[in-house]
């Protein structure tokens, strides 16, 4: 059993090399690194995944073929951010002994090849529990001595939590990634609501968002919906939501992150932009 530390996205100190980030999604793989003061230089490489083999096998091939991974050494530092089903547990209810059983009860049919890991989110008094493929972990451990494990959602959650304090309106955030949408709402230093839904069909996404909106008791004329990430059919989705809720906004990452270096990198996922821009 392992715990993934959550002190991610920090600029490297003079004593250490910058930490390479490996982002492992559902059928996607990318590598990135930030350098300089306040992460003023960001390198990003999206790897062309072979869908007929596992992500562990793809990563093995990437160490042979990727320009960014080709020069890594055993003493290099890595952060691996995975996009697997995630469970949120309040800090005061977290038990390292019980959480693997709780996770496998929450998500049915979790393969034995997946190991349960977790990362504490102090800002939200919560723990993110997720899984990492054992073969993938073995490939990473074979190449790096200093590895941190995390979930792709964590930098987004912490950024949107800070963002939720601006203005007086209540807010629902919709973060789109890997054909899923995370719906979030915050109250003080905690989640008021967090859950993930399939985003394959626009009509379903509209239903999920409006159902959460109704259950939270939000005002259709006063309160806000903010969408971010890889939003499918963005304009149509925003238009349909506008039929029921007056204030529906799409977050522009370049403006959201104050034109940070990461936000201007072509193709970079919103979660990596949040990681490098906000830490």
C-alpha atoms as a PDB file:
ATOM      1  CA  UNK A   1       0.000   0.000   0.000  1.00  0.00           C
ATOM      2  CA  UNK A   2       1.284   3.449  -0.847  1.00  0.00           C
ATOM      3  CA  UNK A   3       0.327   7.028  -0.272  1.00  0.00           C
ATOM      4  CA  UNK A   4       0.856   9.633  -2.968  1.00  0.00           C
ATOM      5  CA  UNK A   5       2.093  12.915  -1.586  1.00  0.00           C
ATOM      6  CA  UNK A   6       0.283  16.067  -2.598  1.00  0.00           C
ATOM      7  CA  UNK A   7       3.051  18.703  -2.659  1.00  0.00           C
ATOM      8  CA  UNK A   8       2.970  18.885  -6.437  1.00  0.00           C
ATOM      9  CA  UNK A   9       3.477  21.601  -9.003  1.00  0.00           C
ATOM     10  CA  UNK A  10       6.202  23.395  -7.070  1.00  0.00           C
ATOM     11  CA  UNK A  11       9.167  24.948  -8.806  1.00  0.00           C
ATOM     12  CA  UNK A  12      12.391  23.017  -8.393  1.00  0.00           C
ATOM     13  CA  UNK A  13      14.820  24.217  -5.751  1.00  0.00           C
ATOM     14  CA  UNK A  14      18.470  24.784  -6.709  1.00  0.00           C
ATOM     15  CA  UNK A  15      19.288  21.428  -5.060  1.00  0.00           C
ATOM     16  CA  UNK A  16      17.006  19.420  -7.346  1.00  0.00           C
ATOM     17  CA  UNK A  17      16.301  18.968 -11.013  1.00  0.00           C
ATOM     18  CA  UNK A  18      12.809  19.956 -12.195  1.00  0.00           C
ATOM     19  CA  UNK A  19      10.247  17.206 -11.677  1.00  0.00           C
ATOM     20  CA  UNK A  20       9.050  15.554 -14.885  1.00  0.00           C
ATOM     21  CA  UNK A  21       5.272  15.021 -15.043  1.00  0.00           C
ATOM     22  CA  UNK A  22       3.865  11.903 -16.682  1.00  0.00           C
ATOM     23  CA  UNK A  23       0.110  12.265 -17.283  1.00  0.00           C
ATOM     24  CA  UNK A  24      -1.586   8.905 -17.831  1.00  0.00           C
ATOM     25  CA  UNK A  25      -5.174   9.179 -19.040  1.00  0.00           C
ATOM     26  CA  UNK A  26      -7.707   6.764 -20.472  1.00  0.00           C
ATOM     27  CA  UNK A  27      -6.003   6.230 -23.813  1.00  0.00           C
ATOM     28  CA  UNK A  28      -3.806   9.328 -23.571  1.00  0.00           C
ATOM     29  CA  UNK A  29      -0.228   9.823 -22.446  1.00  0.00           C
ATOM     30  CA  UNK A  30       1.810  13.006 -22.155  1.00  0.00           C
ATOM     31  CA  UNK A  31       5.023  14.299 -20.628  1.00  0.00           C
ATOM     32  CA  UNK A  32       5.768  17.795 -19.381  1.00  0.00           C
ATOM     33  CA  UNK A  33       8.209  19.768 -17.288  1.00  0.00           C
ATOM     34  CA  UNK A  34       8.320  23.281 -15.865  1.00  0.00           C
ATOM     35  CA  UNK A  35      11.494  25.272 -15.320  1.00  0.00           C
ATOM     36  CA  UNK A  36      12.422  28.734 -14.196  1.00  0.00           C
ATOM     37  CA  UNK A  37      11.033  31.098 -11.609  1.00  0.00           C
ATOM     38  CA  UNK A  38       7.283  30.593 -11.121  1.00  0.00           C
ATOM     39  CA  UNK A  39       7.375  27.849 -13.781  1.00  0.00           C
ATOM     40  CA  UNK A  40       8.048  30.420 -16.505  1.00  0.00           C
ATOM     41  CA  UNK A  41       9.096  27.774 -19.045  1.00  0.00           C
ATOM     42  CA  UNK A  42       6.927  24.737 -19.715  1.00  0.00           C
ATOM     43  CA  UNK A  43       7.770  21.895 -22.103  1.00  0.00           C
ATOM     44  CA  UNK A  44       4.935  19.595 -23.178  1.00  0.00           C
ATOM     45  CA  UNK A  45       4.866  16.461 -25.314  1.00  0.00           C
ATOM     46  CA  UNK A  46       1.717  14.501 -26.195  1.00  0.00           C
ATOM     47  CA  UNK A  47       2.649  10.893 -26.950  1.00  0.00           C
ATOM     48  CA  UNK A  48       0.971   8.969 -29.784  1.00  0.00           C
ATOM     49  CA  UNK A  49      -0.620   6.053 -27.908  1.00  0.00           C
ATOM     50  CA  UNK A  50      -1.016   2.611 -29.467  1.00  0.00           C
ATOM     51  CA  UNK A  51      -4.543   1.603 -28.487  1.00  0.00           C
ATOM     52  CA  UNK A  52      -3.888  -2.100 -29.021  1.00  0.00           C
ATOM     53  CA  UNK A  53      -1.478  -2.372 -26.072  1.00  0.00           C
ATOM     54  CA  UNK A  54      -1.670  -1.402 -22.393  1.00  0.00           C
ATOM     55  CA  UNK A  55      -0.656   1.979 -21.031  1.00  0.00           C
ATOM     56  CA  UNK A  56       2.260   0.281 -19.266  1.00  0.00           C
ATOM     57  CA  UNK A  57       3.464  -1.082 -22.604  1.00  0.00           C
ATOM     58  CA  UNK A  58       2.976   2.325 -24.228  1.00  0.00           C
ATOM     59  CA  UNK A  59       5.052   3.931 -21.512  1.00  0.00           C
ATOM     60  CA  UNK A  60       7.761   1.323 -21.977  1.00  0.00           C
ATOM     61  CA  UNK A  61       7.880   2.207 -25.671  1.00  0.00           C
ATOM     62  CA  UNK A  62       7.837   5.923 -24.868  1.00  0.00           C
ATOM     63  CA  UNK A  63      11.082   5.611 -22.913  1.00  0.00           C
ATOM     64  CA  UNK A  64      12.632   4.412 -26.171  1.00  0.00           C
ATOM     65  CA  UNK A  65      10.952   6.849 -28.560  1.00  0.00           C
ATOM     66  CA  UNK A  66       9.985  10.022 -26.696  1.00  0.00           C
ATOM     67  CA  UNK A  67      12.390  12.977 -26.981  1.00  0.00           C
ATOM     68  CA  UNK A  68      11.478  14.114 -23.469  1.00  0.00           C
ATOM     69  CA  UNK A  69      11.777  10.693 -21.818  1.00  0.00           C
ATOM     70  CA  UNK A  70      14.821   9.597 -23.797  1.00  0.00           C
ATOM     71  CA  UNK A  71      17.226  11.648 -21.700  1.00  0.00           C
ATOM     72  CA  UNK A  72      15.894  10.726 -18.259  1.00  0.00           C
ATOM     73  CA  UNK A  73      18.203   9.282 -15.625  1.00  0.00           C
ATOM     74  CA  UNK A  74      17.469   7.128 -12.571  1.00  0.00           C
ATOM     75  CA  UNK A  75      18.109  10.083 -10.290  1.00  0.00           C
ATOM     76  CA  UNK A  76      15.544  12.241 -12.100  1.00  0.00           C
ATOM     77  CA  UNK A  77      12.336  13.132 -10.268  1.00  0.00           C
ATOM     78  CA  UNK A  78       8.864  12.283 -11.572  1.00  0.00           C
ATOM     79  CA  UNK A  79       5.257  13.077 -10.801  1.00  0.00           C
ATOM     80  CA  UNK A  80       2.764  10.611 -12.265  1.00  0.00           C
ATOM     81  CA  UNK A  81      -0.771  11.993 -12.555  1.00  0.00           C
ATOM     82  CA  UNK A  82      -3.327   9.324 -13.425  1.00  0.00           C
ATOM     83  CA  UNK A  83      -6.931   9.623 -14.546  1.00  0.00           C
ATOM     84  CA  UNK A  84      -8.677   6.679 -12.923  1.00  0.00           C
ATOM     85  CA  UNK A  85     -11.958   6.597 -10.951  1.00  0.00           C
ATOM     86  CA  UNK A  86     -11.460   8.715  -7.825  1.00  0.00           C
ATOM     87  CA  UNK A  87     -13.182   8.572  -4.443  1.00  0.00           C
ATOM     88  CA  UNK A  88     -13.185  11.536  -2.053  1.00  0.00           C
ATOM     89  CA  UNK A  89     -13.051  10.845   1.684  1.00  0.00           C
ATOM     90  CA  UNK A  90     -13.226  13.490   4.453  1.00  0.00           C
ATOM     91  CA  UNK A  91      -9.914  13.639   6.339  1.00  0.00           C
ATOM     92  CA  UNK A  92     -11.558  12.861   9.674  1.00  0.00           C
ATOM     93  CA  UNK A  93     -13.127   9.676   8.264  1.00  0.00           C
ATOM     94  CA  UNK A  94     -10.048   8.417   6.426  1.00  0.00           C
ATOM     95  CA  UNK A  95      -8.530   5.083   7.470  1.00  0.00           C
ATOM     96  CA  UNK A  96      -5.528   3.697   5.598  1.00  0.00           C
ATOM     97  CA  UNK A  97      -6.499   0.173   6.635  1.00  0.00           C
ATOM     98  CA  UNK A  98     -10.100   0.439   5.465  1.00  0.00           C
ATOM     99  CA  UNK A  99      -9.808   2.594   2.363  1.00  0.00           C
ATOM    100  CA  UNK A 100      -8.847  -0.173  -0.132  1.00  0.00           C
ATOM    101  CA  UNK A 101     -11.952  -2.159   0.824  1.00  0.00           C
ATOM    102  CA  UNK A 102     -14.099   0.983   0.713  1.00  0.00           C
ATOM    103  CA  UNK A 103     -12.750   1.897  -2.721  1.00  0.00           C
ATOM    104  CA  UNK A 104     -13.423  -1.564  -4.163  1.00  0.00           C
ATOM    105  CA  UNK A 105     -16.915  -1.459  -2.662  1.00  0.00           C
ATOM    106  CA  UNK A 106     -17.570   1.971  -4.197  1.00  0.00           C
ATOM    107  CA  UNK A 107     -16.273   1.040  -7.659  1.00  0.00           C
ATOM    108  CA  UNK A 108     -17.312  -2.463  -8.634  1.00  0.00           C
ATOM    109  CA  UNK A 109     -15.083  -4.765 -10.676  1.00  0.00           C
ATOM    110  CA  UNK A 110     -11.779  -3.071  -9.846  1.00  0.00           C
ATOM    111  CA  UNK A 111      -9.148  -5.414 -11.376  1.00  0.00           C
ATOM    112  CA  UNK A 112      -6.563  -7.011  -9.100  1.00  0.00           C
ATOM    113  CA  UNK A 113      -3.945  -5.408 -11.360  1.00  0.00           C
ATOM    114  CA  UNK A 114      -4.911  -2.026  -9.869  1.00  0.00           C
ATOM    115  CA  UNK A 115      -3.415  -0.922  -6.558  1.00  0.00           C
ATOM    116  CA  UNK A 116      -5.187   1.631  -4.374  1.00  0.00           C
ATOM    117  CA  UNK A 117      -3.317   4.858  -3.615  1.00  0.00           C
ATOM    118  CA  UNK A 118      -4.314   8.171  -2.087  1.00  0.00           C
ATOM    119  CA  UNK A 119      -3.350  11.807  -1.811  1.00  0.00           C
ATOM    120  CA  UNK A 120      -4.289  14.256   0.940  1.00  0.00           C
ATOM    121  CA  UNK A 121      -5.842  17.586  -0.135  1.00  0.00           C
ATOM    122  CA  UNK A 122      -5.316  19.837   2.909  1.00  0.00           C
ATOM    123  CA  UNK A 123      -7.139  22.836   1.411  1.00  0.00           C
ATOM    124  CA  UNK A 124     -10.354  20.804   1.197  1.00  0.00           C
ATOM    125  CA  UNK A 125      -9.930  18.649   4.311  1.00  0.00           C
ATOM    126  CA  UNK A 126     -10.256  15.635   2.031  1.00  0.00           C
ATOM    127  CA  UNK A 127      -8.346  12.646   0.694  1.00  0.00           C
ATOM    128  CA  UNK A 128      -8.466  11.615  -2.971  1.00  0.00           C
ATOM    129  CA  UNK A 129      -8.361   7.827  -3.363  1.00  0.00           C
ATOM    130  CA  UNK A 130      -7.572   6.366  -6.785  1.00  0.00           C
ATOM    131  CA  UNK A 131      -5.904   3.365  -8.411  1.00  0.00           C
ATOM    132  CA  UNK A 132      -2.671   2.847 -10.315  1.00  0.00           C
ATOM    133  CA  UNK A 133      -1.973  -0.086 -12.590  1.00  0.00           C
ATOM    134  CA  UNK A 134       0.731  -2.282 -11.040  1.00  0.00           C
ATOM    135  CA  UNK A 135       2.532  -2.836 -14.362  1.00  0.00           C
ATOM    136  CA  UNK A 136       2.541   0.905 -15.002  1.00  0.00           C
ATOM    137  CA  UNK A 137       3.984   1.522 -11.552  1.00  0.00           C
ATOM    138  CA  UNK A 138       6.703  -1.054 -12.203  1.00  0.00           C
ATOM    139  CA  UNK A 139       7.726   0.698 -15.442  1.00  0.00           C
ATOM    140  CA  UNK A 140       7.885   4.066 -13.661  1.00  0.00           C
ATOM    141  CA  UNK A 141       9.827   2.657 -10.696  1.00  0.00           C
ATOM    142  CA  UNK A 142      12.323   1.054 -13.089  1.00  0.00           C
ATOM    143  CA  UNK A 143      13.218   4.489 -14.466  1.00  0.00           C
ATOM    144  CA  UNK A 144      12.936   6.876 -11.497  1.00  0.00           C
ATOM    145  CA  UNK A 145      14.121   6.768  -7.896  1.00  0.00           C
ATOM    146  CA  UNK A 146      12.004   9.717  -6.706  1.00  0.00           C
ATOM    147  CA  UNK A 147       8.345   9.351  -7.748  1.00  0.00           C
ATOM    148  CA  UNK A 148       5.203  11.083  -6.531  1.00  0.00           C
ATOM    149  CA  UNK A 149       1.760   9.781  -7.477  1.00  0.00           C
ATOM    150  CA  UNK A 150      -1.348  11.904  -7.817  1.00  0.00           C
ATOM    151  CA  UNK A 151      -4.677  12.225  -9.612  1.00  0.00           C
ATOM    152  CA  UNK A 152      -5.172  14.626 -12.523  1.00  0.00           C
ATOM    153  CA  UNK A 153      -8.191  16.214 -10.803  1.00  0.00           C
ATOM    154  CA  UNK A 154      -6.389  17.440  -7.682  1.00  0.00           C
ATOM    155  CA  UNK A 155      -4.828  20.651  -9.080  1.00  0.00           C
ATOM    156  CA  UNK A 156      -8.157  21.495 -10.739  1.00  0.00           C
ATOM    157  CA  UNK A 157     -10.124  20.942  -7.533  1.00  0.00           C
ATOM    158  CA  UNK A 158      -7.785  23.097  -5.476  1.00  0.00           C
ATOM    159  CA  UNK A 159      -7.763  25.866  -8.086  1.00  0.00           C
ATOM    160  CA  UNK A 160     -11.555  25.900  -8.467  1.00  0.00           C
ATOM    161  CA  UNK A 161     -11.924  25.894  -4.685  1.00  0.00           C
ATOM    162  CA  UNK A 162      -9.844  29.074  -4.473  1.00  0.00           C
ATOM    163  CA  UNK A 163     -11.806  30.497  -7.390  1.00  0.00           C
ATOM    164  CA  UNK A 164     -15.119  29.799  -5.638  1.00  0.00           C
ATOM    165  CA  UNK A 165     -14.416  32.554  -3.097  1.00  0.00           C
ATOM    166  CA  UNK A 166     -14.628  35.268  -5.777  1.00  0.00           C
ATOM    167  CA  UNK A 167     -17.994  37.017  -6.016  1.00  0.00           C
ATOM    168  CA  UNK A 168     -21.118  36.434  -3.966  1.00  0.00           C
ATOM    169  CA  UNK A 169     -22.957  33.953  -6.181  1.00  0.00           C
ATOM    170  CA  UNK A 170     -23.029  30.230  -5.465  1.00  0.00           C
ATOM    171  CA  UNK A 171     -21.320  28.139  -8.125  1.00  0.00           C
ATOM    172  CA  UNK A 172     -21.342  24.728  -9.772  1.00  0.00           C
ATOM    173  CA  UNK A 173     -18.159  23.855 -11.652  1.00  0.00           C
ATOM    174  CA  UNK A 174     -18.084  21.319 -14.483  1.00  0.00           C
ATOM    175  CA  UNK A 175     -14.609  19.996 -15.309  1.00  0.00           C
ATOM    176  CA  UNK A 176     -14.473  17.908 -18.520  1.00  0.00           C
ATOM    177  CA  UNK A 177     -11.711  15.360 -19.074  1.00  0.00           C
ATOM    178  CA  UNK A 178     -11.360  11.956 -20.722  1.00  0.00           C
ATOM    179  CA  UNK A 179     -15.036  11.917 -21.873  1.00  0.00           C
ATOM    180  CA  UNK A 180     -16.222  12.487 -18.295  1.00  0.00           C
ATOM    181  CA  UNK A 181     -17.448  15.515 -16.375  1.00  0.00           C
ATOM    182  CA  UNK A 182     -16.720  16.217 -12.705  1.00  0.00           C
ATOM    183  CA  UNK A 183     -19.381  18.359 -11.039  1.00  0.00           C
ATOM    184  CA  UNK A 184     -18.157  20.328  -8.042  1.00  0.00           C
ATOM    185  CA  UNK A 185     -19.485  22.796  -5.526  1.00  0.00           C
ATOM    186  CA  UNK A 186     -17.717  24.125  -2.439  1.00  0.00           C
ATOM    187  CA  UNK A 187     -18.742  25.413   0.950  1.00  0.00           C
ATOM    188  CA  UNK A 188     -16.016  27.053   3.049  1.00  0.00           C
ATOM    189  CA  UNK A 189     -13.029  24.660   3.072  1.00  0.00           C
ATOM    190  CA  UNK A 190     -14.914  21.554   1.992  1.00  0.00           C
ATOM    191  CA  UNK A 191     -16.673  20.003  -0.926  1.00  0.00           C
ATOM    192  CA  UNK A 192     -20.398  20.618  -0.799  1.00  0.00           C
ATOM    193  CA  UNK A 193     -20.769  18.257  -3.756  1.00  0.00           C
ATOM    194  CA  UNK A 194     -18.376  16.243  -5.923  1.00  0.00           C
ATOM    195  CA  UNK A 195     -19.165  13.461  -8.363  1.00  0.00           C
ATOM    196  CA  UNK A 196     -18.152  12.261 -11.809  1.00  0.00           C
ATOM    197  CA  UNK A 197     -20.447  11.394 -14.714  1.00  0.00           C
ATOM    198  CA  UNK A 198     -20.159  10.054 -18.246  1.00  0.00           C
ATOM    199  CA  UNK A 199     -19.982  12.895 -20.778  1.00  0.00           C
ATOM    200  CA  UNK A 200     -20.397  10.926 -23.989  1.00  0.00           C
ATOM    201  CA  UNK A 201     -23.790  12.489 -24.814  1.00  0.00           C
ATOM    202  CA  UNK A 202     -24.667  16.159 -24.538  1.00  0.00           C
ATOM    203  CA  UNK A 203     -28.253  15.544 -23.406  1.00  0.00           C
ATOM    204  CA  UNK A 204     -26.994  13.435 -20.495  1.00  0.00           C
ATOM    205  CA  UNK A 205     -24.503  16.132 -19.473  1.00  0.00           C
ATOM    206  CA  UNK A 206     -27.269  18.753 -19.437  1.00  0.00           C
ATOM    207  CA  UNK A 207     -29.384  16.455 -17.274  1.00  0.00           C
ATOM    208  CA  UNK A 208     -26.539  15.721 -14.833  1.00  0.00           C
ATOM    209  CA  UNK A 209     -25.654  19.395 -14.381  1.00  0.00           C
ATOM    210  CA  UNK A 210     -29.244  20.568 -13.951  1.00  0.00           C
ATOM    211  CA  UNK A 211     -30.049  17.718 -11.566  1.00  0.00           C
ATOM    212  CA  UNK A 212     -27.119  18.643  -9.331  1.00  0.00           C
ATOM    213  CA  UNK A 213     -28.140  22.312  -9.613  1.00  0.00           C
ATOM    214  CA  UNK A 214     -31.698  21.509  -8.497  1.00  0.00           C
ATOM    215  CA  UNK A 215     -30.606  19.252  -5.626  1.00  0.00           C
ATOM    216  CA  UNK A 216     -28.281  21.968  -4.300  1.00  0.00           C
ATOM    217  CA  UNK A 217     -31.166  24.429  -4.344  1.00  0.00           C
ATOM    218  CA  UNK A 218     -29.395  27.015  -6.489  1.00  0.00           C
ATOM    219  CA  UNK A 219     -31.148  30.032  -8.017  1.00  0.00           C
ATOM    220  CA  UNK A 220     -31.523  29.920 -11.816  1.00  0.00           C
ATOM    221  CA  UNK A 221     -31.245  33.707 -12.148  1.00  0.00           C
ATOM    222  CA  UNK A 222     -28.612  34.496  -9.561  1.00  0.00           C
ATOM    223  CA  UNK A 223     -26.144  31.598  -9.226  1.00  0.00           C
ATOM    224  CA  UNK A 224     -23.492  30.441 -11.703  1.00  0.00           C
ATOM    225  CA  UNK A 225     -22.362  27.456 -13.762  1.00  0.00           C
ATOM    226  CA  UNK A 226     -18.708  27.451 -14.865  1.00  0.00           C
ATOM    227  CA  UNK A 227     -17.353  24.891 -17.361  1.00  0.00           C
ATOM    228  CA  UNK A 228     -13.698  24.125 -18.028  1.00  0.00           C
ATOM    229  CA  UNK A 229     -11.448  21.518 -19.579  1.00  0.00           C
ATOM    230  CA  UNK A 230     -11.979  19.557 -22.798  1.00  0.00           C
ATOM    231  CA  UNK A 231     -15.657  20.457 -23.312  1.00  0.00           C
ATOM    232  CA  UNK A 232     -17.404  18.482 -26.084  1.00  0.00           C
ATOM    233  CA  UNK A 233     -19.849  20.474 -28.222  1.00  0.00           C
ATOM    234  CA  UNK A 234     -19.101  23.487 -26.055  1.00  0.00           C
ATOM    235  CA  UNK A 235     -21.314  26.090 -27.756  1.00  0.00           C
ATOM    236  CA  UNK A 236     -24.340  23.805 -28.022  1.00  0.00           C
ATOM    237  CA  UNK A 237     -23.962  22.695 -24.412  1.00  0.00           C
ATOM    238  CA  UNK A 238     -23.720  26.261 -23.155  1.00  0.00           C
ATOM    239  CA  UNK A 239     -26.760  27.243 -25.236  1.00  0.00           C
ATOM    240  CA  UNK A 240     -28.881  24.393 -23.874  1.00  0.00           C
ATOM    241  CA  UNK A 241     -27.935  25.146 -20.277  1.00  0.00           C
ATOM    242  CA  UNK A 242     -28.814  28.810 -20.895  1.00  0.00           C
ATOM    243  CA  UNK A 243     -32.414  27.748 -21.457  1.00  0.00           C
ATOM    244  CA  UNK A 244     -32.644  26.883 -17.748  1.00  0.00           C
ATOM    245  CA  UNK A 245     -29.891  28.864 -15.985  1.00  0.00           C
ATOM    246  CA  UNK A 246     -29.098  32.493 -16.711  1.00  0.00           C
ATOM    247  CA  UNK A 247     -25.391  32.544 -15.810  1.00  0.00           C
ATOM    248  CA  UNK A 248     -23.465  29.859 -17.717  1.00  0.00           C
ATOM    249  CA  UNK A 249     -19.787  30.546 -18.433  1.00  0.00           C
ATOM    250  CA  UNK A 250     -16.875  28.795 -20.152  1.00  0.00           C
ATOM    251  CA  UNK A 251     -13.563  29.373 -18.377  1.00  0.00           C
ATOM    252  CA  UNK A 252     -10.792  30.549 -20.678  1.00  0.00           C
ATOM    253  CA  UNK A 253      -7.576  28.993 -19.299  1.00  0.00           C
ATOM    254  CA  UNK A 254      -5.299  31.745 -20.612  1.00  0.00           C
ATOM    255  CA  UNK A 255      -7.288  34.402 -18.756  1.00  0.00           C
ATOM    256  CA  UNK A 256      -7.997  32.112 -15.798  1.00  0.00           C
ATOM    257  CA  UNK A 257      -4.279  31.542 -15.210  1.00  0.00           C
ATOM    258  CA  UNK A 258      -3.225  35.137 -15.909  1.00  0.00           C
ATOM    259  CA  UNK A 259      -1.496  34.267 -19.189  1.00  0.00           C
ATOM    260  CA  UNK A 260       0.917  31.912 -17.448  1.00  0.00           C
ATOM    261  CA  UNK A 261       3.448  30.030 -19.558  1.00  0.00           C
ATOM    262  CA  UNK A 262       1.566  26.758 -19.095  1.00  0.00           C
ATOM    263  CA  UNK A 263      -1.791  28.205 -20.188  1.00  0.00           C
ATOM    264  CA  UNK A 264      -0.299  29.240 -23.540  1.00  0.00           C
ATOM    265  CA  UNK A 265       1.108  25.806 -24.430  1.00  0.00           C
ATOM    266  CA  UNK A 266      -0.860  24.399 -27.351  1.00  0.00           C
ATOM    267  CA  UNK A 267      -2.840  21.261 -26.503  1.00  0.00           C
ATOM    268  CA  UNK A 268      -1.958  21.143 -22.813  1.00  0.00           C
ATOM    269  CA  UNK A 269      -4.803  19.737 -20.670  1.00  0.00           C
ATOM    270  CA  UNK A 270      -6.512  22.111 -18.248  1.00  0.00           C
ATOM    271  CA  UNK A 271      -5.322  20.085 -15.252  1.00  0.00           C
ATOM    272  CA  UNK A 272      -1.666  20.433 -16.246  1.00  0.00           C
ATOM    273  CA  UNK A 273      -2.144  24.161 -16.835  1.00  0.00           C
ATOM    274  CA  UNK A 274      -3.610  24.362 -13.300  1.00  0.00           C
ATOM    275  CA  UNK A 275      -0.757  22.303 -11.883  1.00  0.00           C
ATOM    276  CA  UNK A 276       1.982  24.524 -13.317  1.00  0.00           C
ATOM    277  CA  UNK A 277       0.136  27.838 -12.997  1.00  0.00           C
ATOM    278  CA  UNK A 278      -1.298  27.490  -9.495  1.00  0.00           C
ATOM    279  CA  UNK A 279       0.621  24.621  -7.900  1.00  0.00           C
END
